[in-house]
Amino acid sequence: MIKISGIDHFVLTVKDIEATCAFYERVLGMVVVAFGPGNGRRALLFGNQRINLHQTGLEFEPNAEKTIPGSADFCLITETPLA
């Protein structure tokens, strides 16, 4: 049995990353950060939580099989190693 210990992050696929960052920062007070080795990835931070952003058609690997603007997925932290 796999033991889940928490949620690592959510991924939100969006049409426009800049507009999304501006909205979440202005309306919800989230902090926009860039991460990754120079690849322009963006995330929204609030408390200890993170929402990674993927732009439709330019998704980073790994990603959900079928993505459209507004779709989302989440990544879990497990105590059980997965093959």
PDB file of N, CA and C in Angstrom:
ATOM      1  N   MET A   1       0.850  -1.178   0.000  1.00  0.00           N
ATOM      2  CA  MET A   1       0.000   0.000   0.000  1.00  0.00           C
ATOM      3  C   MET A   1       0.891   1.235   0.000  1.00  0.00           C
ATOM      4  N   ILE A   2       0.551   2.198  -0.844  1.00  0.00           N
ATOM      5  CA  ILE A   2       1.284   3.462  -0.916  1.00  0.00           C
ATOM      6  C   ILE A   2       0.789   4.385   0.189  1.00  0.00           C
ATOM      7  N   LYS A   3       1.733   5.009   0.893  1.00  0.00           N
ATOM      8  CA  LYS A   3       1.371   5.955   1.953  1.00  0.00           C
ATOM      9  C   LYS A   3       1.639   7.376   1.458  1.00  0.00           C
ATOM     10  N   ILE A   4       0.557   8.162   1.354  1.00  0.00           N
ATOM     11  CA  ILE A   4       0.640   9.556   0.931  1.00  0.00           C
ATOM     12  C   ILE A   4       0.841  10.417   2.169  1.00  0.00           C
ATOM     13  N   SER A   5       1.859  11.298   2.136  1.00  0.00           N
ATOM     14  CA  SER A   5       2.107  12.146   3.300  1.00  0.00           C
ATOM     15  C   SER A   5       1.737  13.612   3.060  1.00  0.00           C
ATOM     16  N   GLY A   6       1.464  13.986   1.816  1.00  0.00           N
ATOM     17  CA  GLY A   6       1.078  15.373   1.586  1.00  0.00           C
ATOM     18  C   GLY A   6       0.991  15.712   0.118  1.00  0.00           C
ATOM     19  N   ILE A   7       0.637  16.946  -0.147  1.00  0.00           N
ATOM     20  CA  ILE A   7       0.602  17.476  -1.510  1.00  0.00           C
ATOM     21  C   ILE A   7       1.861  18.304  -1.709  1.00  0.00           C
ATOM     22  N   ASP A   8       2.598  18.009  -2.765  1.00  0.00           N
ATOM     23  CA  ASP A   8       3.799  18.778  -3.065  1.00  0.00           C
ATOM     24  C   ASP A   8       3.428  20.105  -3.729  1.00  0.00           C
ATOM     25  N   HIS A   9       2.652  20.019  -4.810  1.00  0.00           N
ATOM     26  CA  HIS A   9       2.225  21.230  -5.513  1.00  0.00           C
ATOM     27  C   HIS A   9       1.095  20.905  -6.479  1.00  0.00           C
ATOM     28  N   PHE A  10       0.430  21.956  -6.923  1.00  0.00           N
ATOM     29  CA  PHE A  10      -0.568  21.863  -7.975  1.00  0.00           C
ATOM     30  C   PHE A  10       0.031  22.426  -9.247  1.00  0.00           C
ATOM     31  N   VAL A  11      -0.459  21.984 -10.392  1.00  0.00           N
ATOM     32  CA  VAL A  11      -0.077  22.549 -11.683  1.00  0.00           C
ATOM     33  C   VAL A  11      -1.344  23.055 -12.345  1.00  0.00           C
ATOM     34  N   LEU A  12      -1.304  24.295 -12.784  1.00  0.00           N
ATOM     35  CA  LEU A  12      -2.441  24.895 -13.465  1.00  0.00           C
ATOM     36  C   LEU A  12      -2.003  25.250 -14.880  1.00  0.00           C
ATOM     37  N   THR A  13      -2.727  24.743 -15.872  1.00  0.00           N
ATOM     38  CA  THR A  13      -2.445  25.064 -17.273  1.00  0.00           C
ATOM     39  C   THR A  13      -3.259  26.292 -17.645  1.00  0.00           C
ATOM     40  N   VAL A  14      -2.583  27.293 -18.181  1.00  0.00           N
ATOM     41  CA  VAL A  14      -3.230  28.574 -18.469  1.00  0.00           C
ATOM     42  C   VAL A  14      -2.919  29.035 -19.893  1.00  0.00           C
ATOM     43  N   LYS A  15      -3.755  29.924 -20.393  1.00  0.00           N
ATOM     44  CA  LYS A  15      -3.565  30.491 -21.731  1.00  0.00           C
ATOM     45  C   LYS A  15      -2.449  31.525 -21.741  1.00  0.00           C
ATOM     46  N   ASP A  16      -2.366  32.327 -20.663  1.00  0.00           N
ATOM     47  CA  ASP A  16      -1.415  33.436 -20.605  1.00  0.00           C
ATOM     48  C   ASP A  16      -0.802  33.483 -19.198  1.00  0.00           C
ATOM     49  N   ILE A  17       0.458  33.116 -19.091  1.00  0.00           N
ATOM     50  CA  ILE A  17       1.110  33.058 -17.780  1.00  0.00           C
ATOM     51  C   ILE A  17       1.215  34.443 -17.150  1.00  0.00           C
ATOM     52  N   GLU A  18       1.572  35.459 -17.924  1.00  0.00           N
ATOM     53  CA  GLU A  18       1.721  36.811 -17.366  1.00  0.00           C
ATOM     54  C   GLU A  18       0.397  37.326 -16.805  1.00  0.00           C
ATOM     55  N   ALA A  19      -0.697  37.159 -17.550  1.00  0.00           N
ATOM     56  CA  ALA A  19      -2.009  37.611 -17.084  1.00  0.00           C
ATOM     57  C   ALA A  19      -2.431  36.833 -15.838  1.00  0.00           C
ATOM     58  N   THR A  20      -2.142  35.535 -15.810  1.00  0.00           N
ATOM     59  CA  THR A  20      -2.479  34.701 -14.655  1.00  0.00           C
ATOM     60  C   THR A  20      -1.711  35.163 -13.424  1.00  0.00           C
ATOM     61  N   CYS A  21      -0.406  35.393 -13.588  1.00  0.00           N
ATOM     62  CA  CYS A  21       0.411  35.864 -12.460  1.00  0.00           C
ATOM     63  C   CYS A  21      -0.113  37.199 -11.942  1.00  0.00           C
ATOM     64  N   ALA A  22      -0.417  38.120 -12.841  1.00  0.00           N
ATOM     65  CA  ALA A  22      -0.909  39.438 -12.432  1.00  0.00           C
ATOM     66  C   ALA A  22      -2.209  39.317 -11.646  1.00  0.00           C
ATOM     67  N   PHE A  23      -3.128  38.464 -12.106  1.00  0.00           N
ATOM     68  CA  PHE A  23      -4.408  38.286 -11.415  1.00  0.00           C
ATOM     69  C   PHE A  23      -4.213  37.703 -10.017  1.00  0.00           C
ATOM     70  N   TYR A  24      -3.505  36.588  -9.903  1.00  0.00           N
ATOM     71  CA  TYR A  24      -3.345  35.935  -8.603  1.00  0.00           C
ATOM     72  C   TYR A  24      -2.554  36.812  -7.626  1.00  0.00           C
ATOM     73  N   GLU A  25      -1.618  37.582  -8.149  1.00  0.00           N
ATOM     74  CA  GLU A  25      -0.841  38.471  -7.294  1.00  0.00           C
ATOM     75  C   GLU A  25      -1.706  39.649  -6.819  1.00  0.00           C
ATOM     76  N   ARG A  26      -2.434  40.269  -7.733  1.00  0.00           N
ATOM     77  CA  ARG A  26      -3.235  41.451  -7.406  1.00  0.00           C
ATOM     78  C   ARG A  26      -4.461  41.108  -6.568  1.00  0.00           C
ATOM     79  N   VAL A  27      -5.192  40.073  -6.960  1.00  0.00           N
ATOM     80  CA  VAL A  27      -6.477  39.778  -6.316  1.00  0.00           C
ATOM     81  C   VAL A  27      -6.323  38.911  -5.068  1.00  0.00           C
ATOM     82  N   LEU A  28      -5.424  37.933  -5.104  1.00  0.00           N
ATOM     83  CA  LEU A  28      -5.308  36.998  -3.985  1.00  0.00           C
ATOM     84  C   LEU A  28      -4.029  37.169  -3.167  1.00  0.00           C
ATOM     85  N   GLY A  29      -3.162  38.103  -3.555  1.00  0.00           N
ATOM     86  CA  GLY A  29      -1.954  38.378  -2.789  1.00  0.00           C
ATOM     87  C   GLY A  29      -0.896  37.299  -2.862  1.00  0.00           C
ATOM     88  N   MET A  30      -0.961  36.435  -3.871  1.00  0.00           N
ATOM     89  CA  MET A  30       0.056  35.386  -4.001  1.00  0.00           C
ATOM     90  C   MET A  30       1.360  35.998  -4.500  1.00  0.00           C
ATOM     91  N   VAL A  31       2.462  35.326  -4.204  1.00  0.00           N
ATOM     92  CA  VAL A  31       3.783  35.777  -4.622  1.00  0.00           C
ATOM     93  C   VAL A  31       4.181  35.000  -5.868  1.00  0.00           C
ATOM     94  N   VAL A  32       4.590  35.729  -6.908  1.00  0.00           N
ATOM     95  CA  VAL A  32       5.024  35.102  -8.154  1.00  0.00           C
ATOM     96  C   VAL A  32       6.528  34.892  -8.084  1.00  0.00           C
ATOM     97  N   VAL A  33       6.983  33.658  -8.375  1.00  0.00           N
ATOM     98  CA  VAL A  33       8.417  33.349  -8.382  1.00  0.00           C
ATOM     99  C   VAL A  33       8.778  32.619  -9.675  1.00  0.00           C
ATOM    100  N   ALA A  34      10.005  32.839 -10.115  1.00  0.00           N
ATOM    101  CA  ALA A  34      10.563  32.074 -11.229  1.00  0.00           C
ATOM    102  C   ALA A  34      11.391  30.955 -10.615  1.00  0.00           C
ATOM    103  N   PHE A  35      11.403  29.791 -11.266  1.00  0.00           N
ATOM    104  CA  PHE A  35      12.219  28.690 -10.749  1.00  0.00           C
ATOM    105  C   PHE A  35      12.710  27.837 -11.902  1.00  0.00           C
ATOM    106  N   GLY A  36      13.639  26.969 -11.616  1.00  0.00           N
ATOM    107  CA  GLY A  36      14.233  26.117 -12.636  1.00  0.00           C
ATOM    108  C   GLY A  36      15.454  26.791 -13.235  1.00  0.00           C
ATOM    109  N   PRO A  37      16.272  26.011 -13.904  1.00  0.00           N
ATOM    110  CA  PRO A  37      17.529  26.530 -14.457  1.00  0.00           C
ATOM    111  C   PRO A  37      17.328  27.342 -15.743  1.00  0.00           C
ATOM    112  N   GLY A  38      16.903  28.593 -15.599  1.00  0.00           N
ATOM    113  CA  GLY A  38      16.803  29.495 -16.736  1.00  0.00           C
ATOM    114  C   GLY A  38      15.753  29.151 -17.770  1.00  0.00           C
ATOM    115  N   ASN A  39      14.734  28.395 -17.374  1.00  0.00           N
ATOM    116  CA  ASN A  39      13.738  27.979 -18.364  1.00  0.00           C
ATOM    117  C   ASN A  39      12.447  28.788 -18.289  1.00  0.00           C
ATOM    118  N   GLY A  40      12.414  29.833 -17.471  1.00  0.00           N
ATOM    119  CA  GLY A  40      11.259  30.705 -17.419  1.00  0.00           C
ATOM    120  C   GLY A  40      10.039  30.155 -16.708  1.00  0.00           C
ATOM    121  N   ARG A  41      10.206  29.092 -15.946  1.00  0.00           N
ATOM    122  CA  ARG A  41       9.048  28.545 -15.223  1.00  0.00           C
ATOM    123  C   ARG A  41       8.601  29.522 -14.151  1.00  0.00           C
ATOM    124  N   ARG A  42       7.287  29.559 -13.915  1.00  0.00           N
ATOM    125  CA  ARG A  42       6.708  30.442 -12.907  1.00  0.00           C
ATOM    126  C   ARG A  42       5.835  29.650 -11.967  1.00  0.00           C
ATOM    127  N   ALA A  43       5.762  30.129 -10.733  1.00  0.00           N
ATOM    128  CA  ALA A  43       4.901  29.515  -9.731  1.00  0.00           C
ATOM    129  C   ALA A  43       4.278  30.615  -8.887  1.00  0.00           C
ATOM    130  N   LEU A  44       3.159  30.280  -8.276  1.00  0.00           N
ATOM    131  CA  LEU A  44       2.458  31.170  -7.357  1.00  0.00           C
ATOM    132  C   LEU A  44       2.594  30.582  -5.962  1.00  0.00           C
ATOM    133  N   LEU A  45       3.058  31.384  -5.016  1.00  0.00           N
ATOM    134  CA  LEU A  45       3.249  30.909  -3.647  1.00  0.00           C
ATOM    135  C   LEU A  45       2.250  31.565  -2.721  1.00  0.00           C
ATOM    136  N   PHE A  46       1.725  30.765  -1.785  1.00  0.00           N
ATOM    137  CA  PHE A  46       0.872  31.284  -0.722  1.00  0.00           C
ATOM    138  C   PHE A  46       1.050  30.357   0.462  1.00  0.00           C
ATOM    139  N   GLY A  47       1.482  30.928   1.596  1.00  0.00           N
ATOM    140  CA  GLY A  47       1.802  30.094   2.753  1.00  0.00           C
ATOM    141  C   GLY A  47       2.889  29.101   2.379  1.00  0.00           C
ATOM    142  N   ASN A  48       2.670  27.839   2.713  1.00  0.00           N
ATOM    143  CA  ASN A  48       3.624  26.778   2.361  1.00  0.00           C
ATOM    144  C   ASN A  48       3.236  26.074   1.071  1.00  0.00           C
ATOM    145  N   GLN A  49       2.317  26.633   0.310  1.00  0.00           N
ATOM    146  CA  GLN A  49       1.792  25.967  -0.881  1.00  0.00           C
ATOM    147  C   GLN A  49       2.304  26.637  -2.154  1.00  0.00           C
ATOM    148  N   ARG A  50       2.283  25.851  -3.235  1.00  0.00           N
ATOM    149  CA  ARG A  50       2.794  26.335  -4.514  1.00  0.00           C
ATOM    150  C   ARG A  50       1.895  25.848  -5.642  1.00  0.00           C
ATOM    151  N   ILE A  51       1.604  26.741  -6.581  1.00  0.00           N
ATOM    152  CA  ILE A  51       0.914  26.383  -7.814  1.00  0.00           C
ATOM    153  C   ILE A  51       1.892  26.650  -8.955  1.00  0.00           C
ATOM    154  N   ASN A  52       2.339  25.601  -9.630  1.00  0.00           N
ATOM    155  CA  ASN A  52       3.188  25.768 -10.805  1.00  0.00           C
ATOM    156  C   ASN A  52       2.308  26.080 -12.001  1.00  0.00           C
ATOM    157  N   LEU A  53       2.800  26.916 -12.898  1.00  0.00           N
ATOM    158  CA  LEU A  53       2.029  27.295 -14.076  1.00  0.00           C
ATOM    159  C   LEU A  53       2.643  26.704 -15.333  1.00  0.00           C
ATOM    160  N   HIS A  54       1.774  26.157 -16.186  1.00  0.00           N
ATOM    161  CA  HIS A  54       2.158  25.693 -17.516  1.00  0.00           C
ATOM    162  C   HIS A  54       1.338  26.487 -18.520  1.00  0.00           C
ATOM    163  N   GLN A  55       1.972  26.929 -19.587  1.00  0.00           N
ATOM    164  CA  GLN A  55       1.217  27.610 -20.635  1.00  0.00           C
ATOM    165  C   GLN A  55       0.748  26.573 -21.644  1.00  0.00           C
ATOM    166  N   THR A  56      -0.505  26.678 -22.057  1.00  0.00           N
ATOM    167  CA  THR A  56      -1.075  25.739 -23.022  1.00  0.00           C
ATOM    168  C   THR A  56      -0.183  25.647 -24.257  1.00  0.00           C
ATOM    169  N   GLY A  57       0.152  24.421 -24.629  1.00  0.00           N
ATOM    170  CA  GLY A  57       0.996  24.180 -25.797  1.00  0.00           C
ATOM    171  C   GLY A  57       2.478  24.215 -25.508  1.00  0.00           C
ATOM    172  N   LEU A  58       2.868  24.696 -24.327  1.00  0.00           N
ATOM    173  CA  LEU A  58       4.283  24.776 -23.940  1.00  0.00           C
ATOM    174  C   LEU A  58       4.504  24.107 -22.585  1.00  0.00           C
ATOM    175  N   GLU A  59       3.753  23.059 -22.306  1.00  0.00           N
ATOM    176  CA  GLU A  59       3.815  22.399 -21.003  1.00  0.00           C
ATOM    177  C   GLU A  59       5.193  21.791 -20.763  1.00  0.00           C
ATOM    178  N   PHE A  60       5.615  21.814 -19.505  1.00  0.00           N
ATOM    179  CA  PHE A  60       6.861  21.175 -19.101  1.00  0.00           C
ATOM    180  C   PHE A  60       6.587  19.716 -18.785  1.00  0.00           C
ATOM    181  N   GLU A  61       7.589  18.864 -18.940  1.00  0.00           N
ATOM    182  CA  GLU A  61       7.472  17.448 -18.589  1.00  0.00           C
ATOM    183  C   GLU A  61       7.820  17.273 -17.118  1.00  0.00           C
ATOM    184  N   PRO A  62       7.184  16.404 -16.406  1.00  0.00           N
ATOM    185  CA  PRO A  62       6.003  15.655 -16.843  1.00  0.00           C
ATOM    186  C   PRO A  62       4.768  16.545 -16.782  1.00  0.00           C
ATOM    187  N   ASN A  63       3.769  16.178 -17.556  1.00  0.00           N
ATOM    188  CA  ASN A  63       2.526  16.936 -17.549  1.00  0.00           C
ATOM    189  C   ASN A  63       1.359  15.991 -17.795  1.00  0.00           C
ATOM    190  N   ALA A  64       0.163  16.496 -17.548  1.00  0.00           N
ATOM    191  CA  ALA A  64      -1.039  15.696 -17.771  1.00  0.00           C
ATOM    192  C   ALA A  64      -1.143  15.363 -19.263  1.00  0.00           C
ATOM    193  N   GLU A  65      -1.789  14.251 -19.567  1.00  0.00           N
ATOM    194  CA  GLU A  65      -1.879  13.796 -20.952  1.00  0.00           C
ATOM    195  C   GLU A  65      -2.658  14.763 -21.840  1.00  0.00           C
ATOM    196  N   LYS A  66      -3.784  15.250 -21.358  1.00  0.00           N
ATOM    197  CA  LYS A  66      -4.607  16.179 -22.140  1.00  0.00           C
ATOM    198  C   LYS A  66      -4.802  17.453 -21.337  1.00  0.00           C
ATOM    199  N   THR A  67      -4.195  18.531 -21.819  1.00  0.00           N
ATOM    200  CA  THR A  67      -4.295  19.792 -21.099  1.00  0.00           C
ATOM    201  C   THR A  67      -5.014  20.833 -21.952  1.00  0.00           C
ATOM    202  N   ILE A  68      -5.811  21.641 -21.281  1.00  0.00           N
ATOM    203  CA  ILE A  68      -6.469  22.784 -21.892  1.00  0.00           C
ATOM    204  C   ILE A  68      -6.419  23.906 -20.864  1.00  0.00           C
ATOM    205  N   PRO A  69      -6.557  25.171 -21.288  1.00  0.00           N
ATOM    206  CA  PRO A  69      -6.554  26.241 -20.294  1.00  0.00           C
ATOM    207  C   PRO A  69      -7.601  25.977 -19.215  1.00  0.00           C
ATOM    208  N   GLY A  70      -7.170  26.101 -17.979  1.00  0.00           N
ATOM    209  CA  GLY A  70      -8.056  25.860 -16.844  1.00  0.00           C
ATOM    210  C   GLY A  70      -7.937  24.460 -16.263  1.00  0.00           C
ATOM    211  N   SER A  71      -7.253  23.559 -16.980  1.00  0.00           N
ATOM    212  CA  SER A  71      -7.087  22.212 -16.426  1.00  0.00           C
ATOM    213  C   SER A  71      -5.979  22.241 -15.375  1.00  0.00           C
ATOM    214  N   ALA A  72      -5.999  21.258 -14.493  1.00  0.00           N
ATOM    215  CA  ALA A  72      -5.027  21.223 -13.409  1.00  0.00           C
ATOM    216  C   ALA A  72      -4.681  19.787 -13.055  1.00  0.00           C
ATOM    217  N   ASP A  73      -3.534  19.614 -12.435  1.00  0.00           N
ATOM    218  CA  ASP A  73      -3.166  18.329 -11.856  1.00  0.00           C
ATOM    219  C   ASP A  73      -2.402  18.623 -10.577  1.00  0.00           C
ATOM    220  N   PHE A  74      -2.159  17.606  -9.785  1.00  0.00           N
ATOM    221  CA  PHE A  74      -1.427  17.821  -8.545  1.00  0.00           C
ATOM    222  C   PHE A  74      -0.434  16.699  -8.327  1.00  0.00           C
ATOM    223  N   CYS A  75       0.634  17.028  -7.619  1.00  0.00           N
ATOM    224  CA  CYS A  75       1.715  16.087  -7.340  1.00  0.00           C
ATOM    225  C   CYS A  75       1.745  15.811  -5.842  1.00  0.00           C
ATOM    226  N   LEU A  76       1.779  14.532  -5.512  1.00  0.00           N
ATOM    227  CA  LEU A  76       1.743  14.094  -4.114  1.00  0.00           C
ATOM    228  C   LEU A  76       3.120  13.710  -3.612  1.00  0.00           C
ATOM    229  N   ILE A  77       3.311  13.808  -2.316  1.00  0.00           N
ATOM    230  CA  ILE A  77       4.514  13.323  -1.643  1.00  0.00           C
ATOM    231  C   ILE A  77       4.156  11.981  -1.025  1.00  0.00           C
ATOM    232  N   THR A  78       4.967  10.980  -1.311  1.00  0.00           N
ATOM    233  CA  THR A  78       4.701   9.651  -0.754  1.00  0.00           C
ATOM    234  C   THR A  78       5.840   9.236   0.180  1.00  0.00           C
ATOM    235  N   GLU A  79       5.501   8.426   1.149  1.00  0.00           N
ATOM    236  CA  GLU A  79       6.522   7.840   2.002  1.00  0.00           C
ATOM    237  C   GLU A  79       7.005   6.531   1.401  1.00  0.00           C
ATOM    238  N   THR A  80       6.242   6.021   0.443  1.00  0.00           N
ATOM    239  CA  THR A  80       6.574   4.770  -0.236  1.00  0.00           C
ATOM    240  C   THR A  80       7.284   5.086  -1.549  1.00  0.00           C
ATOM    241  N   PRO A  81       8.492   4.573  -1.784  1.00  0.00           N
ATOM    242  CA  PRO A  81       9.152   4.802  -3.068  1.00  0.00           C
ATOM    243  C   PRO A  81       8.314   4.208  -4.205  1.00  0.00           C
ATOM    244  N   LEU A  82       8.238   4.927  -5.316  1.00  0.00           N
ATOM    245  CA  LEU A  82       7.506   4.457  -6.476  1.00  0.00           C
ATOM    246  C   LEU A  82       8.477   4.084  -7.586  1.00  0.00           C
ATOM    247  N   ALA A  83       8.204   3.007  -8.262  1.00  0.00           N
ATOM    248  CA  ALA A  83       9.077   2.571  -9.365  1.00  0.00           C
ATOM    249  C   ALA A  83       8.859   3.445 -10.574  1.00  0.00           C
TER     250      ALA A  83
END
